[in-house]
Amino acid sequence: MMGYPGGNSPDLSSAEVVDFSVESGEARVRLKLKDGTVLEVKMEITNILRVGNDPNTGLPTYMIQSANIVRLVSCPKELRKAPVTRGAGPGAKPLPGFS
């Protein structure tokens, strides 16, 4: 997708929803953080809108709506904390089996 000319937002009042299908597999990015945690990130495309044409090139301009899905693959034991019961105030006790 190309940026919109001049950095202005496109007029969405005449935007057209474009149906799409995924042509190639699920692209996921696996990240290893400095603290040893491993995350996996996937972009899920929810909508594609055709918002007009670029006045300089005449090429169609699209807006893509997406959501990032983040999954914790692993993390070092020293970063983990015991979960506490819901609604518990200060001094709450960890759930059994997690201490």
N, C-alpha and C. Protein backbone atom coordinates (compact mmCIF):
# COMPACT_ATOMS: atom_id res chain seq x y z
N MET A 1 0.84 -1.18 0.00
CA MET A 1 0.00 0.00 0.00
C MET A 1 0.88 1.23 0.00
N MET A 2 0.51 2.18 -0.80
CA MET A 2 1.25 3.42 -0.88
C MET A 2 0.62 4.43 0.08
N GLY A 3 1.44 5.33 0.62
CA GLY A 3 0.91 6.36 1.49
C GLY A 3 0.02 7.31 0.72
N TYR A 4 -0.90 7.94 1.40
CA TYR A 4 -1.80 8.85 0.73
C TYR A 4 -1.07 10.15 0.45
N PRO A 5 -1.22 10.74 -0.73
CA PRO A 5 -0.47 11.95 -1.11
C PRO A 5 -0.67 13.07 -0.11
N GLY A 6 0.42 13.74 0.24
CA GLY A 6 0.35 14.87 1.14
C GLY A 6 0.15 14.49 2.59
N GLY A 7 0.01 13.20 2.89
CA GLY A 7 -0.17 12.76 4.25
C GLY A 7 -1.56 13.01 4.80
N ASN A 8 -2.47 13.56 3.99
CA ASN A 8 -3.84 13.80 4.44
C ASN A 8 -4.61 12.49 4.45
N SER A 9 -5.62 12.42 5.30
CA SER A 9 -6.46 11.23 5.35
C SER A 9 -7.39 11.22 4.14
N PRO A 10 -7.64 10.03 3.58
CA PRO A 10 -8.54 9.94 2.43
C PRO A 10 -9.99 10.15 2.84
N ASP A 11 -10.83 10.52 1.88
CA ASP A 11 -12.26 10.67 2.12
C ASP A 11 -12.88 9.28 2.10
N LEU A 12 -13.31 8.80 3.27
CA LEU A 12 -13.84 7.44 3.37
C LEU A 12 -15.33 7.36 3.04
N SER A 13 -15.97 8.50 2.77
CA SER A 13 -17.41 8.47 2.48
C SER A 13 -17.72 7.71 1.19
N SER A 14 -16.77 7.67 0.28
CA SER A 14 -16.99 6.95 -0.98
C SER A 14 -16.12 5.69 -1.08
N ALA A 15 -15.53 5.26 0.03
CA ALA A 15 -14.67 4.08 0.02
C ALA A 15 -15.49 2.84 -0.30
N GLU A 16 -14.86 1.92 -1.01
CA GLU A 16 -15.53 0.67 -1.41
C GLU A 16 -14.82 -0.51 -0.75
N VAL A 17 -15.58 -1.36 -0.07
CA VAL A 17 -15.01 -2.57 0.53
C VAL A 17 -14.65 -3.53 -0.60
N VAL A 18 -13.42 -4.06 -0.55
CA VAL A 18 -12.95 -4.98 -1.58
C VAL A 18 -12.79 -6.37 -0.96
N ASP A 19 -13.46 -7.36 -1.54
CA ASP A 19 -13.29 -8.74 -1.08
C ASP A 19 -11.88 -9.21 -1.40
N PHE A 20 -11.34 -10.11 -0.57
CA PHE A 20 -9.99 -10.59 -0.80
C PHE A 20 -9.86 -12.03 -0.35
N SER A 21 -8.82 -12.68 -0.84
CA SER A 21 -8.46 -14.02 -0.38
C SER A 21 -6.96 -14.04 -0.18
N VAL A 22 -6.50 -14.86 0.73
CA VAL A 22 -5.07 -14.96 1.02
C VAL A 22 -4.44 -15.90 0.00
N GLU A 23 -3.44 -15.41 -0.73
CA GLU A 23 -2.81 -16.22 -1.78
C GLU A 23 -1.67 -17.07 -1.27
N SER A 24 -1.01 -16.61 -0.22
CA SER A 24 0.09 -17.42 0.31
C SER A 24 -0.09 -17.55 1.81
N GLY A 25 0.64 -18.47 2.41
CA GLY A 25 0.47 -18.89 3.80
C GLY A 25 0.40 -17.80 4.83
N GLU A 26 0.30 -18.24 6.08
CA GLU A 26 0.22 -17.33 7.21
C GLU A 26 1.61 -16.84 7.57
N ALA A 27 1.81 -15.56 7.42
CA ALA A 27 3.11 -14.99 7.76
C ALA A 27 3.14 -14.65 9.25
N ARG A 28 4.07 -15.23 9.95
CA ARG A 28 4.26 -14.95 11.37
C ARG A 28 5.70 -14.52 11.59
N VAL A 29 5.88 -13.64 12.53
CA VAL A 29 7.21 -13.18 12.89
C VAL A 29 7.48 -13.68 14.30
N ARG A 30 8.62 -14.34 14.48
CA ARG A 30 9.01 -14.82 15.81
C ARG A 30 10.12 -13.91 16.30
N LEU A 31 9.91 -13.36 17.50
CA LEU A 31 10.84 -12.39 18.08
C LEU A 31 11.42 -12.94 19.37
N LYS A 32 12.72 -12.80 19.54
CA LYS A 32 13.35 -13.17 20.82
C LYS A 32 13.80 -11.88 21.48
N LEU A 33 13.25 -11.60 22.65
CA LEU A 33 13.57 -10.39 23.38
C LEU A 33 14.86 -10.57 24.18
N LYS A 34 15.47 -9.45 24.57
CA LYS A 34 16.72 -9.51 25.33
C LYS A 34 16.56 -10.22 26.66
N ASP A 35 15.33 -10.21 27.23
CA ASP A 35 15.12 -10.88 28.52
C ASP A 35 14.89 -12.38 28.36
N GLY A 36 14.97 -12.90 27.12
CA GLY A 36 14.81 -14.32 26.88
C GLY A 36 13.41 -14.74 26.47
N THR A 37 12.46 -13.83 26.51
CA THR A 37 11.08 -14.12 26.11
C THR A 37 11.01 -14.30 24.59
N VAL A 38 10.18 -15.24 24.15
CA VAL A 38 9.95 -15.44 22.73
C VAL A 38 8.49 -15.14 22.44
N LEU A 39 8.25 -14.21 21.50
CA LEU A 39 6.90 -13.83 21.09
C LEU A 39 6.69 -14.19 19.63
N GLU A 40 5.46 -14.47 19.28
CA GLU A 40 5.11 -14.71 17.88
C GLU A 40 4.02 -13.70 17.52
N VAL A 41 4.20 -12.98 16.41
CA VAL A 41 3.26 -11.95 16.01
C VAL A 41 2.74 -12.26 14.61
N LYS A 42 1.43 -12.17 14.47
CA LYS A 42 0.79 -12.40 13.18
C LYS A 42 -0.15 -11.24 12.91
N MET A 43 -0.15 -10.74 11.66
CA MET A 43 -1.08 -9.68 11.29
C MET A 43 -2.31 -10.32 10.65
N GLU A 44 -3.47 -10.02 11.19
CA GLU A 44 -4.73 -10.54 10.67
C GLU A 44 -5.45 -9.40 9.95
N ILE A 45 -5.62 -9.53 8.64
CA ILE A 45 -6.29 -8.49 7.86
C ILE A 45 -7.80 -8.69 7.98
N THR A 46 -8.49 -7.63 8.38
CA THR A 46 -9.93 -7.72 8.58
C THR A 46 -10.73 -7.09 7.45
N ASN A 47 -10.22 -6.03 6.83
CA ASN A 47 -10.92 -5.34 5.76
C ASN A 47 -9.95 -4.66 4.84
N ILE A 48 -10.32 -4.56 3.57
CA ILE A 48 -9.57 -3.76 2.60
C ILE A 48 -10.56 -2.83 1.94
N LEU A 49 -10.21 -1.54 1.91
CA LEU A 49 -11.07 -0.53 1.31
C LEU A 49 -10.33 0.14 0.16
N ARG A 50 -10.99 0.31 -0.99
CA ARG A 50 -10.44 1.11 -2.07
C ARG A 50 -10.95 2.52 -1.83
N VAL A 51 -10.01 3.47 -1.64
CA VAL A 51 -10.40 4.82 -1.25
C VAL A 51 -10.22 5.84 -2.36
N GLY A 52 -9.94 5.38 -3.55
CA GLY A 52 -9.80 6.30 -4.68
C GLY A 52 -8.55 6.01 -5.46
N ASN A 53 -8.08 7.04 -6.17
CA ASN A 53 -6.88 6.91 -6.98
C ASN A 53 -5.91 8.02 -6.64
N ASP A 54 -4.63 7.71 -6.74
CA ASP A 54 -3.58 8.69 -6.51
C ASP A 54 -3.64 9.72 -7.64
N PRO A 55 -3.75 11.00 -7.32
CA PRO A 55 -3.87 12.01 -8.38
C PRO A 55 -2.61 12.15 -9.23
N ASN A 56 -1.45 11.77 -8.69
CA ASN A 56 -0.20 11.90 -9.43
C ASN A 56 0.05 10.74 -10.38
N THR A 57 -0.35 9.53 -9.98
CA THR A 57 -0.05 8.35 -10.79
C THR A 57 -1.29 7.68 -11.38
N GLY A 58 -2.45 7.96 -10.81
CA GLY A 58 -3.67 7.31 -11.25
C GLY A 58 -3.86 5.92 -10.69
N LEU A 59 -2.90 5.44 -9.90
CA LEU A 59 -3.01 4.11 -9.32
C LEU A 59 -4.05 4.08 -8.21
N PRO A 60 -4.75 2.95 -8.06
CA PRO A 60 -5.74 2.87 -6.97
C PRO A 60 -5.05 2.95 -5.61
N THR A 61 -5.75 3.52 -4.65
CA THR A 61 -5.24 3.65 -3.29
C THR A 61 -6.11 2.81 -2.37
N TYR A 62 -5.48 2.05 -1.48
CA TYR A 62 -6.19 1.15 -0.58
C TYR A 62 -5.89 1.47 0.87
N MET A 63 -6.86 1.20 1.72
CA MET A 63 -6.66 1.29 3.16
C MET A 63 -6.88 -0.12 3.70
N ILE A 64 -5.94 -0.59 4.50
CA ILE A 64 -6.03 -1.94 5.05
C ILE A 64 -6.28 -1.84 6.55
N GLN A 65 -7.33 -2.50 7.02
CA GLN A 65 -7.62 -2.58 8.45
C GLN A 65 -7.14 -3.94 8.93
N SER A 66 -6.37 -3.92 10.01
CA SER A 66 -5.79 -5.18 10.49
C SER A 66 -5.67 -5.17 12.01
N ALA A 67 -5.41 -6.35 12.55
CA ALA A 67 -5.18 -6.51 13.98
C ALA A 67 -3.93 -7.36 14.16
N ASN A 68 -3.11 -7.00 15.12
CA ASN A 68 -1.94 -7.81 15.45
C ASN A 68 -2.31 -8.84 16.50
N ILE A 69 -1.98 -10.08 16.23
CA ILE A 69 -2.23 -11.16 17.19
C ILE A 69 -0.87 -11.55 17.77
N VAL A 70 -0.73 -11.39 19.08
CA VAL A 70 0.55 -11.65 19.75
C VAL A 70 0.39 -12.88 20.63
N ARG A 71 1.33 -13.82 20.49
CA ARG A 71 1.30 -15.05 21.29
C ARG A 71 2.63 -15.19 22.02
N LEU A 72 2.53 -15.42 23.33
CA LEU A 72 3.72 -15.67 24.12
C LEU A 72 4.11 -17.13 23.91
N VAL A 73 5.28 -17.36 23.31
CA VAL A 73 5.75 -18.71 23.04
C VAL A 73 6.45 -19.27 24.27
N SER A 74 7.35 -18.48 24.84
CA SER A 74 8.05 -18.91 26.06
C SER A 74 8.62 -17.69 26.77
N CYS A 75 8.86 -17.86 28.07
CA CYS A 75 9.51 -16.81 28.84
C CYS A 75 10.29 -17.47 29.98
N PRO A 76 11.37 -16.82 30.40
CA PRO A 76 12.17 -17.37 31.50
C PRO A 76 11.35 -17.47 32.79
N LYS A 77 11.63 -18.48 33.59
CA LYS A 77 10.90 -18.69 34.84
C LYS A 77 10.99 -17.49 35.78
N GLU A 78 12.13 -16.81 35.78
CA GLU A 78 12.30 -15.69 36.71
C GLU A 78 11.39 -14.49 36.39
N LEU A 79 10.81 -14.44 35.20
CA LEU A 79 9.89 -13.36 34.85
C LEU A 79 8.45 -13.67 35.23
N ARG A 80 8.17 -14.91 35.59
CA ARG A 80 6.81 -15.33 35.90
C ARG A 80 6.43 -14.96 37.32
N LYS A 81 5.17 -14.58 37.49
CA LYS A 81 4.63 -14.29 38.82
C LYS A 81 3.39 -15.15 38.99
N ALA A 82 3.09 -15.48 40.22
CA ALA A 82 1.92 -16.31 40.51
C ALA A 82 0.65 -15.49 40.29
N PRO A 83 -0.34 -16.06 39.60
CA PRO A 83 -1.61 -15.35 39.44
C PRO A 83 -2.32 -15.26 40.78
N VAL A 84 -3.12 -14.20 40.94
CA VAL A 84 -3.89 -14.04 42.18
C VAL A 84 -5.37 -14.19 41.87
N THR A 85 -6.15 -14.50 42.89
CA THR A 85 -7.59 -14.67 42.70
C THR A 85 -8.21 -13.33 42.35
N ARG A 86 -9.24 -13.37 41.54
CA ARG A 86 -9.92 -12.13 41.11
C ARG A 86 -10.61 -11.46 42.30
N GLY A 87 -10.61 -10.14 42.25
CA GLY A 87 -11.31 -9.39 43.27
C GLY A 87 -10.57 -9.34 44.59
N ALA A 88 -9.41 -9.95 44.65
CA ALA A 88 -8.66 -9.97 45.90
C ALA A 88 -7.90 -8.65 46.04
N GLY A 89 -7.88 -8.14 47.22
CA GLY A 89 -7.18 -6.88 47.48
C GLY A 89 -5.74 -7.14 47.86
N PRO A 90 -5.14 -6.17 48.54
CA PRO A 90 -3.75 -6.33 48.98
C PRO A 90 -3.61 -7.57 49.87
N GLY A 91 -2.53 -8.25 49.72
CA GLY A 91 -2.28 -9.46 50.52
C GLY A 91 -2.97 -10.68 49.95
N ALA A 92 -3.41 -10.61 48.69
CA ALA A 92 -4.09 -11.75 48.06
C ALA A 92 -3.12 -12.92 47.94
N LYS A 93 -3.65 -14.10 48.06
CA LYS A 93 -2.83 -15.31 47.99
C LYS A 93 -2.82 -15.86 46.56
N PRO A 94 -1.69 -16.40 46.11
CA PRO A 94 -1.64 -16.97 44.78
C PRO A 94 -2.52 -18.19 44.67
N LEU A 95 -2.93 -18.50 43.46
CA LEU A 95 -3.74 -19.70 43.24
C LEU A 95 -2.92 -20.95 43.56
N PRO A 96 -3.56 -22.00 44.04
CA PRO A 96 -2.84 -23.24 44.38
C PRO A 96 -2.09 -23.80 43.17
N GLY A 97 -0.88 -24.25 43.40
CA GLY A 97 -0.09 -24.86 42.35
C GLY A 97 0.77 -23.90 41.57
N PHE A 98 0.65 -22.58 41.82
CA PHE A 98 1.42 -21.60 41.07
C PHE A 98 2.49 -20.90 41.90
N SER A 99 2.62 -21.22 43.17
CA SER A 99 3.58 -20.50 44.00
C SER A 99 4.96 -21.07 43.86
